[in-house]
Amino acid sequence: MATHICENCGHESAIFGPLSSQRLETEYGLEILGKLPLNSAICHASDAGIPVSTLENTPLAVSYQQISTKLLANLAGLPKDYNSGLAQIKLTKTPV
């Protein structure tokens, strides 16, 4: 959560300061995938078992969709290592 959007007037304010995500990128070398607003719709949708990303035509859903698209693109760019997830199988000769 990066911002708060007032439900009455729509004003958006940065909860942790306007440069907090830039500081994370610079100090820790992190890529910020997106900034989610603190919003009661997240709570209501989650309590109802509805994924926020499926709330059609809402800025909140678009934020989640953009973040997931960036995340998938980053994952797709990682090198493939098919061996690390496989169990190490050892063949042993058992007496008959």
C-alpha atoms as a PDB file:
ATOM      1  CA  MET A   1       0.000   0.000   0.000  1.00  0.00           C
ATOM      2  CA  ALA A   2       1.501   3.281  -1.054  1.00  0.00           C
ATOM      3  CA  THR A   3      -1.280   5.838  -1.035  1.00  0.00           C
ATOM      4  CA  HIS A   4      -4.619   6.613   0.543  1.00  0.00           C
ATOM      5  CA  ILE A   5      -7.524   7.811  -1.561  1.00  0.00           C
ATOM      6  CA  CYS A   6     -10.180   9.704   0.356  1.00  0.00           C
ATOM      7  CA  GLU A   7     -13.580   8.104  -0.214  1.00  0.00           C
ATOM      8  CA  ASN A   8     -15.290  11.479   0.176  1.00  0.00           C
ATOM      9  CA  CYS A   9     -13.279  13.810  -2.029  1.00  0.00           C
ATOM     10  CA  GLY A  10     -10.969  11.472  -3.970  1.00  0.00           C
ATOM     11  CA  HIS A  11      -7.774  13.197  -2.819  1.00  0.00           C
ATOM     12  CA  GLU A  12      -4.798  10.847  -2.990  1.00  0.00           C
ATOM     13  CA  SER A  13      -1.956  11.177  -0.505  1.00  0.00           C
ATOM     14  CA  ALA A  14       1.269   9.211  -0.183  1.00  0.00           C
ATOM     15  CA  ILE A  15       1.200   7.365   3.143  1.00  0.00           C
ATOM     16  CA  PHE A  16       4.968   6.968   3.463  1.00  0.00           C
ATOM     17  CA  GLY A  17       5.960  10.153   1.674  1.00  0.00           C
ATOM     18  CA  PRO A  18       6.129  10.983  -2.016  1.00  0.00           C
ATOM     19  CA  LEU A  19       9.648   9.600  -2.525  1.00  0.00           C
ATOM     20  CA  SER A  20       9.443   6.384  -0.483  1.00  0.00           C
ATOM     21  CA  SER A  21       9.329   4.037  -3.479  1.00  0.00           C
ATOM     22  CA  GLN A  22      12.182   5.865  -5.196  1.00  0.00           C
ATOM     23  CA  ARG A  23      14.248   5.426  -2.021  1.00  0.00           C
ATOM     24  CA  LEU A  24      13.556   1.668  -2.026  1.00  0.00           C
ATOM     25  CA  GLU A  25      14.657   1.434  -5.646  1.00  0.00           C
ATOM     26  CA  THR A  26      17.847   3.397  -5.022  1.00  0.00           C
ATOM     27  CA  GLU A  27      18.924   1.988  -1.663  1.00  0.00           C
ATOM     28  CA  TYR A  28      17.997  -1.648  -2.197  1.00  0.00           C
ATOM     29  CA  GLY A  29      18.015  -2.029  -5.969  1.00  0.00           C
ATOM     30  CA  LEU A  30      14.363  -3.035  -6.027  1.00  0.00           C
ATOM     31  CA  GLU A  31      12.062  -2.568  -8.969  1.00  0.00           C
ATOM     32  CA  ILE A  32       8.745  -1.111  -7.910  1.00  0.00           C
ATOM     33  CA  LEU A  33       6.032  -2.955  -9.817  1.00  0.00           C
ATOM     34  CA  GLY A  34       3.294  -0.547  -8.847  1.00  0.00           C
ATOM     35  CA  LYS A  35       1.690   1.448  -6.086  1.00  0.00           C
ATOM     36  CA  LEU A  36      -1.524   0.201  -4.549  1.00  0.00           C
ATOM     37  CA  PRO A  37      -3.875   2.558  -2.762  1.00  0.00           C
ATOM     38  CA  LEU A  38      -5.151   1.839   0.734  1.00  0.00           C
ATOM     39  CA  ASN A  39      -8.824   1.460  -0.052  1.00  0.00           C
ATOM     40  CA  SER A  40     -11.823  -0.064   1.708  1.00  0.00           C
ATOM     41  CA  ALA A  41     -12.867  -1.766  -1.552  1.00  0.00           C
ATOM     42  CA  ILE A  42      -9.916  -4.131  -1.087  1.00  0.00           C
ATOM     43  CA  CYS A  43     -11.243  -5.148   2.323  1.00  0.00           C
ATOM     44  CA  HIS A  44     -14.837  -5.558   1.133  1.00  0.00           C
ATOM     45  CA  ALA A  45     -13.896  -7.555  -1.947  1.00  0.00           C
ATOM     46  CA  SER A  46     -11.507  -9.761   0.020  1.00  0.00           C
ATOM     47  CA  ASP A  47     -14.108 -10.433   2.723  1.00  0.00           C
ATOM     48  CA  ALA A  48     -16.573 -11.436  -0.012  1.00  0.00           C
ATOM     49  CA  GLY A  49     -14.015 -13.730  -1.641  1.00  0.00           C
ATOM     50  CA  ILE A  50     -13.803 -11.595  -4.765  1.00  0.00           C
ATOM     51  CA  PRO A  51     -10.342 -10.975  -6.239  1.00  0.00           C
ATOM     52  CA  VAL A  52      -9.794  -7.222  -6.426  1.00  0.00           C
ATOM     53  CA  SER A  53      -8.295  -7.607  -9.894  1.00  0.00           C
ATOM     54  CA  THR A  54     -11.678  -8.768 -11.210  1.00  0.00           C
ATOM     55  CA  LEU A  55     -13.582  -5.636 -10.187  1.00  0.00           C
ATOM     56  CA  GLU A  56     -14.309  -4.459 -13.701  1.00  0.00           C
ATOM     57  CA  ASN A  57     -13.432  -0.973 -14.888  1.00  0.00           C
ATOM     58  CA  THR A  58     -12.107   0.302 -11.585  1.00  0.00           C
ATOM     59  CA  PRO A  59      -8.768   2.055 -11.122  1.00  0.00           C
ATOM     60  CA  LEU A  60      -8.026  -0.365  -8.281  1.00  0.00           C
ATOM     61  CA  ALA A  61      -8.446  -3.422 -10.519  1.00  0.00           C
ATOM     62  CA  VAL A  62      -6.321  -1.791 -13.214  1.00  0.00           C
ATOM     63  CA  SER A  63      -3.536  -1.229 -10.648  1.00  0.00           C
ATOM     64  CA  TYR A  64      -3.543  -4.909  -9.693  1.00  0.00           C
ATOM     65  CA  GLN A  65      -3.646  -5.980 -13.341  1.00  0.00           C
ATOM     66  CA  GLN A  66      -0.699  -3.747 -14.255  1.00  0.00           C
ATOM     67  CA  ILE A  67       1.353  -5.068 -11.354  1.00  0.00           C
ATOM     68  CA  SER A  68       0.585  -8.684 -12.248  1.00  0.00           C
ATOM     69  CA  THR A  69       1.529  -8.043 -15.880  1.00  0.00           C
ATOM     70  CA  LYS A  70       4.887  -6.565 -14.830  1.00  0.00           C
ATOM     71  CA  LEU A  71       5.477  -9.448 -12.419  1.00  0.00           C
ATOM     72  CA  LEU A  72       4.767 -12.056 -15.099  1.00  0.00           C
ATOM     73  CA  ALA A  73       7.043 -10.260 -17.559  1.00  0.00           C
ATOM     74  CA  ASN A  74       9.846 -10.251 -14.975  1.00  0.00           C
ATOM     75  CA  LEU A  75       9.333 -13.936 -14.196  1.00  0.00           C
ATOM     76  CA  ALA A  76       9.338 -14.815 -17.891  1.00  0.00           C
ATOM     77  CA  GLY A  77      12.713 -13.118 -18.248  1.00  0.00           C
ATOM     78  CA  LEU A  78      14.384 -15.194 -15.550  1.00  0.00           C
ATOM     79  CA  PRO A  79      16.736 -17.974 -16.644  1.00  0.00           C
ATOM     80  CA  LYS A  80      15.127 -21.396 -16.737  1.00  0.00           C
ATOM     81  CA  ASP A  81      16.484 -23.910 -14.233  1.00  0.00           C
ATOM     82  CA  TYR A  82      14.609 -27.159 -14.536  1.00  0.00           C
ATOM     83  CA  ASN A  83      16.973 -29.178 -12.346  1.00  0.00           C
ATOM     84  CA  SER A  84      16.694 -27.375  -9.023  1.00  0.00           C
ATOM     85  CA  GLY A  85      13.038 -28.306  -8.538  1.00  0.00           C
ATOM     86  CA  LEU A  86      13.521 -31.981  -9.288  1.00  0.00           C
ATOM     87  CA  ALA A  87      14.125 -34.506  -6.564  1.00  0.00           C
ATOM     88  CA  GLN A  88      17.533 -36.087  -6.528  1.00  0.00           C
ATOM     89  CA  ILE A  89      16.889 -39.719  -7.480  1.00  0.00           C
ATOM     90  CA  LYS A  90      19.452 -42.294  -6.494  1.00  0.00           C
ATOM     91  CA  LEU A  91      19.407 -45.816  -7.878  1.00  0.00           C
ATOM     92  CA  THR A  92      20.636 -48.498  -5.543  1.00  0.00           C
ATOM     93  CA  LYS A  93      20.912 -52.201  -6.048  1.00  0.00           C
ATOM     94  CA  THR A  94      18.673 -54.066  -3.617  1.00  0.00           C
ATOM     95  CA  PRO A  95      19.267 -57.705  -2.758  1.00  0.00           C
ATOM     96  CA  VAL A  96      16.756 -60.158  -4.188  1.00  0.00           C
END
